Amino acid sequence: MYSILAKTFGGLSRQYYFRQLFFAALMVGLLFWVFSAANETHPDRAMPWWMLVFVPLYPYSRFVYESMVEFIVGDNVFFVSAVLMISFKIVSMLACLILAPIIAPIGLVYLYFHHSRNSA
């Protein structure tokens, strides 16, 4: 059982995992702040507490997204405005956060097979 957990949830580097965890916590905190401001005028629009579950899954979701982009784009470099790039990055980060319960299992399965193949 430990082997499965180590190969999946421990499959990302600590630096990458904690960096992505920081951004996930930052986004959820920002969303809580926005929803609490809206909650003052509309009490029925509170952010659901279960969004906190998305935070530990976000690094694996982001890993899948970045792996797919790396596969498609390769070593190409695109020159675009910083505003456009940051806007797209924020949208993609929010999408990965919201879809984390769906996308993260794909990353966990990939990490398991990747680390199983390398240890054999």
C-alpha atoms as a PDB file:
ATOM      1  CA  MET A   1       0.000   0.000   0.000  1.00  0.00           C
ATOM      2  CA  TYR A   2       2.849   2.371   0.816  1.00  0.00           C
ATOM      3  CA  SER A   3       4.322   1.733  -2.618  1.00  0.00           C
ATOM      4  CA  ILE A   4       1.124   2.846  -4.334  1.00  0.00           C
ATOM      5  CA  LEU A   5       0.916   6.043  -2.275  1.00  0.00           C
ATOM      6  CA  ALA A   6       4.595   6.808  -2.813  1.00  0.00           C
ATOM      7  CA  LYS A   7       4.332   6.287  -6.576  1.00  0.00           C
ATOM      8  CA  THR A   8       1.173   8.392  -6.958  1.00  0.00           C
ATOM      9  CA  PHE A   9       0.831  11.120  -4.337  1.00  0.00           C
ATOM     10  CA  GLY A  10       4.596  11.224  -3.811  1.00  0.00           C
ATOM     11  CA  GLY A  11       5.291  11.186  -7.543  1.00  0.00           C
ATOM     12  CA  LEU A  12       5.817  14.921  -7.984  1.00  0.00           C
ATOM     13  CA  SER A  13       8.904  16.724  -6.763  1.00  0.00           C
ATOM     14  CA  ARG A  14       8.442  18.541  -3.463  1.00  0.00           C
ATOM     15  CA  GLN A  15       9.330  21.882  -5.023  1.00  0.00           C
ATOM     16  CA  TYR A  16       6.750  21.484  -7.808  1.00  0.00           C
ATOM     17  CA  TYR A  17       4.062  20.163  -5.453  1.00  0.00           C
ATOM     18  CA  PHE A  18       4.416  22.954  -2.883  1.00  0.00           C
ATOM     19  CA  ARG A  19       4.634  25.651  -5.562  1.00  0.00           C
ATOM     20  CA  GLN A  20       1.371  24.445  -7.101  1.00  0.00           C
ATOM     21  CA  LEU A  21      -0.163  24.000  -3.644  1.00  0.00           C
ATOM     22  CA  PHE A  22       0.668  27.637  -2.878  1.00  0.00           C
ATOM     23  CA  PHE A  23      -1.109  28.842  -6.018  1.00  0.00           C
ATOM     24  CA  ALA A  24      -4.125  26.615  -5.320  1.00  0.00           C
ATOM     25  CA  ALA A  25      -4.441  27.947  -1.777  1.00  0.00           C
ATOM     26  CA  LEU A  26      -4.036  31.491  -3.083  1.00  0.00           C
ATOM     27  CA  MET A  27      -6.795  31.005  -5.670  1.00  0.00           C
ATOM     28  CA  VAL A  28      -9.188  29.353  -3.202  1.00  0.00           C
ATOM     29  CA  GLY A  29      -8.489  32.124  -0.689  1.00  0.00           C
ATOM     30  CA  LEU A  30      -9.208  34.723  -3.354  1.00  0.00           C
ATOM     31  CA  LEU A  31     -12.405  32.912  -4.341  1.00  0.00           C
ATOM     32  CA  PHE A  32     -13.499  32.758  -0.681  1.00  0.00           C
ATOM     33  CA  TRP A  33     -12.867  36.498  -0.396  1.00  0.00           C
ATOM     34  CA  VAL A  34     -14.866  37.256  -3.564  1.00  0.00           C
ATOM     35  CA  PHE A  35     -17.732  35.015  -2.485  1.00  0.00           C
ATOM     36  CA  SER A  36     -17.766  36.497   1.028  1.00  0.00           C
ATOM     37  CA  ALA A  37     -18.007  39.998  -0.455  1.00  0.00           C
ATOM     38  CA  ALA A  38     -20.914  38.830  -2.615  1.00  0.00           C
ATOM     39  CA  ASN A  39     -22.401  37.059   0.386  1.00  0.00           C
ATOM     40  CA  GLU A  40     -22.994  40.415   2.099  1.00  0.00           C
ATOM     41  CA  THR A  41     -25.532  41.400  -0.550  1.00  0.00           C
ATOM     42  CA  HIS A  42     -26.736  37.886  -1.460  1.00  0.00           C
ATOM     43  CA  PRO A  43     -26.524  35.494   1.533  1.00  0.00           C
ATOM     44  CA  ASP A  44     -27.372  32.476  -0.624  1.00  0.00           C
ATOM     45  CA  ARG A  45     -24.202  32.864  -2.727  1.00  0.00           C
ATOM     46  CA  ALA A  46     -21.637  31.525  -0.265  1.00  0.00           C
ATOM     47  CA  MET A  47     -18.702  29.553  -1.618  1.00  0.00           C
ATOM     48  CA  PRO A  48     -19.068  25.864  -0.825  1.00  0.00           C
ATOM     49  CA  TRP A  49     -16.639  24.586   1.820  1.00  0.00           C
ATOM     50  CA  TRP A  50     -15.863  21.449  -0.204  1.00  0.00           C
ATOM     51  CA  MET A  51     -13.809  23.606  -2.597  1.00  0.00           C
ATOM     52  CA  LEU A  52     -11.015  23.108  -0.048  1.00  0.00           C
ATOM     53  CA  VAL A  53     -10.782  19.489  -1.233  1.00  0.00           C
ATOM     54  CA  PHE A  54      -9.653  20.794  -4.622  1.00  0.00           C
ATOM     55  CA  VAL A  55      -6.466  22.325  -3.165  1.00  0.00           C
ATOM     56  CA  PRO A  56      -4.467  19.087  -2.618  1.00  0.00           C
ATOM     57  CA  LEU A  57      -5.639  17.741  -5.992  1.00  0.00           C
ATOM     58  CA  TYR A  58      -4.679  20.872  -7.924  1.00  0.00           C
ATOM     59  CA  PRO A  59      -0.933  20.051  -8.329  1.00  0.00           C
ATOM     60  CA  TYR A  60      -1.789  16.762 -10.053  1.00  0.00           C
ATOM     61  CA  SER A  61      -4.356  18.484 -12.263  1.00  0.00           C
ATOM     62  CA  ARG A  62      -1.844  21.161 -13.200  1.00  0.00           C
ATOM     63  CA  PHE A  63       0.768  18.465 -13.897  1.00  0.00           C
ATOM     64  CA  VAL A  64      -1.563  16.865 -16.463  1.00  0.00           C
ATOM     65  CA  TYR A  65      -2.276  20.236 -18.075  1.00  0.00           C
ATOM     66  CA  GLU A  66       1.405  21.219 -18.271  1.00  0.00           C
ATOM     67  CA  SER A  67       2.359  17.795 -19.633  1.00  0.00           C
ATOM     68  CA  MET A  68      -0.231  18.103 -22.389  1.00  0.00           C
ATOM     69  CA  VAL A  69       0.897  21.634 -23.286  1.00  0.00           C
ATOM     70  CA  GLU A  70       4.536  20.511 -23.333  1.00  0.00           C
ATOM     71  CA  PHE A  71       3.632  17.603 -25.618  1.00  0.00           C
ATOM     72  CA  ILE A  72       1.699  19.842 -28.027  1.00  0.00           C
ATOM     73  CA  VAL A  73       3.970  22.911 -28.023  1.00  0.00           C
ATOM     74  CA  GLY A  74       7.302  21.148 -27.593  1.00  0.00           C
ATOM     75  CA  ASP A  75      10.338  23.447 -27.556  1.00  0.00           C
ATOM     76  CA  ASN A  76       8.633  26.234 -29.496  1.00  0.00           C
ATOM     77  CA  VAL A  77       8.615  29.745 -28.076  1.00  0.00           C
ATOM     78  CA  PHE A  78       5.741  32.170 -28.622  1.00  0.00           C
ATOM     79  CA  PHE A  79       6.087  35.923 -28.298  1.00  0.00           C
ATOM     80  CA  VAL A  80       2.836  37.446 -27.024  1.00  0.00           C
ATOM     81  CA  SER A  81       1.950  40.373 -24.781  1.00  0.00           C
ATOM     82  CA  ALA A  82       2.434  39.850 -21.059  1.00  0.00           C
ATOM     83  CA  VAL A  83      -1.180  40.810 -20.337  1.00  0.00           C
ATOM     84  CA  LEU A  84      -2.465  38.142 -22.729  1.00  0.00           C
ATOM     85  CA  MET A  85      -0.097  35.516 -21.326  1.00  0.00           C
ATOM     86  CA  ILE A  86      -0.932  36.246 -17.677  1.00  0.00           C
ATOM     87  CA  SER A  87      -4.652  36.329 -18.459  1.00  0.00           C
ATOM     88  CA  PHE A  88      -4.472  32.946 -20.159  1.00  0.00           C
ATOM     89  CA  LYS A  89      -2.369  31.560 -17.303  1.00  0.00           C
ATOM     90  CA  ILE A  90      -4.927  32.672 -14.700  1.00  0.00           C
ATOM     91  CA  VAL A  91      -7.808  31.195 -16.698  1.00  0.00           C
ATOM     92  CA  SER A  92      -5.954  27.897 -17.138  1.00  0.00           C
ATOM     93  CA  MET A  93      -5.077  27.795 -13.427  1.00  0.00           C
ATOM     94  CA  LEU A  94      -8.703  28.363 -12.440  1.00  0.00           C
ATOM     95  CA  ALA A  95      -9.831  25.704 -14.908  1.00  0.00           C
ATOM     96  CA  CYS A  96      -7.328  23.223 -13.451  1.00  0.00           C
ATOM     97  CA  LEU A  97      -8.521  24.073  -9.939  1.00  0.00           C
ATOM     98  CA  ILE A  98     -12.215  23.693 -10.738  1.00  0.00           C
ATOM     99  CA  LEU A  99     -11.673  20.508 -12.762  1.00  0.00           C
ATOM    100  CA  ALA A 100      -9.110  19.042 -10.328  1.00  0.00           C
ATOM    101  CA  PRO A 101     -11.349  16.155  -9.147  1.00  0.00           C
ATOM    102  CA  ILE A 102     -11.750  15.083 -12.779  1.00  0.00           C
ATOM    103  CA  ILE A 103      -8.223  15.727 -14.105  1.00  0.00           C
ATOM    104  CA  ALA A 104      -6.114  14.783 -11.056  1.00  0.00           C
ATOM    105  CA  PRO A 105      -6.882  11.022 -11.206  1.00  0.00           C
ATOM    106  CA  ILE A 106      -5.417  10.972 -14.722  1.00  0.00           C
ATOM    107  CA  GLY A 107      -2.184  12.457 -13.360  1.00  0.00           C
ATOM    108  CA  LEU A 108      -2.120  10.046 -10.426  1.00  0.00           C
ATOM    109  CA  VAL A 109      -2.529   7.030 -12.715  1.00  0.00           C
ATOM    110  CA  TYR A 110       0.191   8.354 -15.019  1.00  0.00           C
ATOM    111  CA  LEU A 111       2.567   8.944 -12.096  1.00  0.00           C
ATOM    112  CA  TYR A 112       1.921   5.439 -10.767  1.00  0.00           C
ATOM    113  CA  PHE A 113       2.755   3.764 -14.078  1.00  0.00           C
ATOM    114  CA  HIS A 114       5.684   6.113 -14.730  1.00  0.00           C
ATOM    115  CA  HIS A 115       7.306   5.362 -11.361  1.00  0.00           C
ATOM    116  CA  SER A 116       6.456   1.643 -11.587  1.00  0.00           C
ATOM    117  CA  ARG A 117       8.211   1.422 -14.957  1.00  0.00           C
ATOM    118  CA  ASN A 118      11.265   3.307 -13.688  1.00  0.00           C
ATOM    119  CA  SER A 119      11.627   1.175 -10.543  1.00  0.00           C
ATOM    120  CA  ALA A 120      11.460  -2.105 -12.461  1.00  0.00           C
END
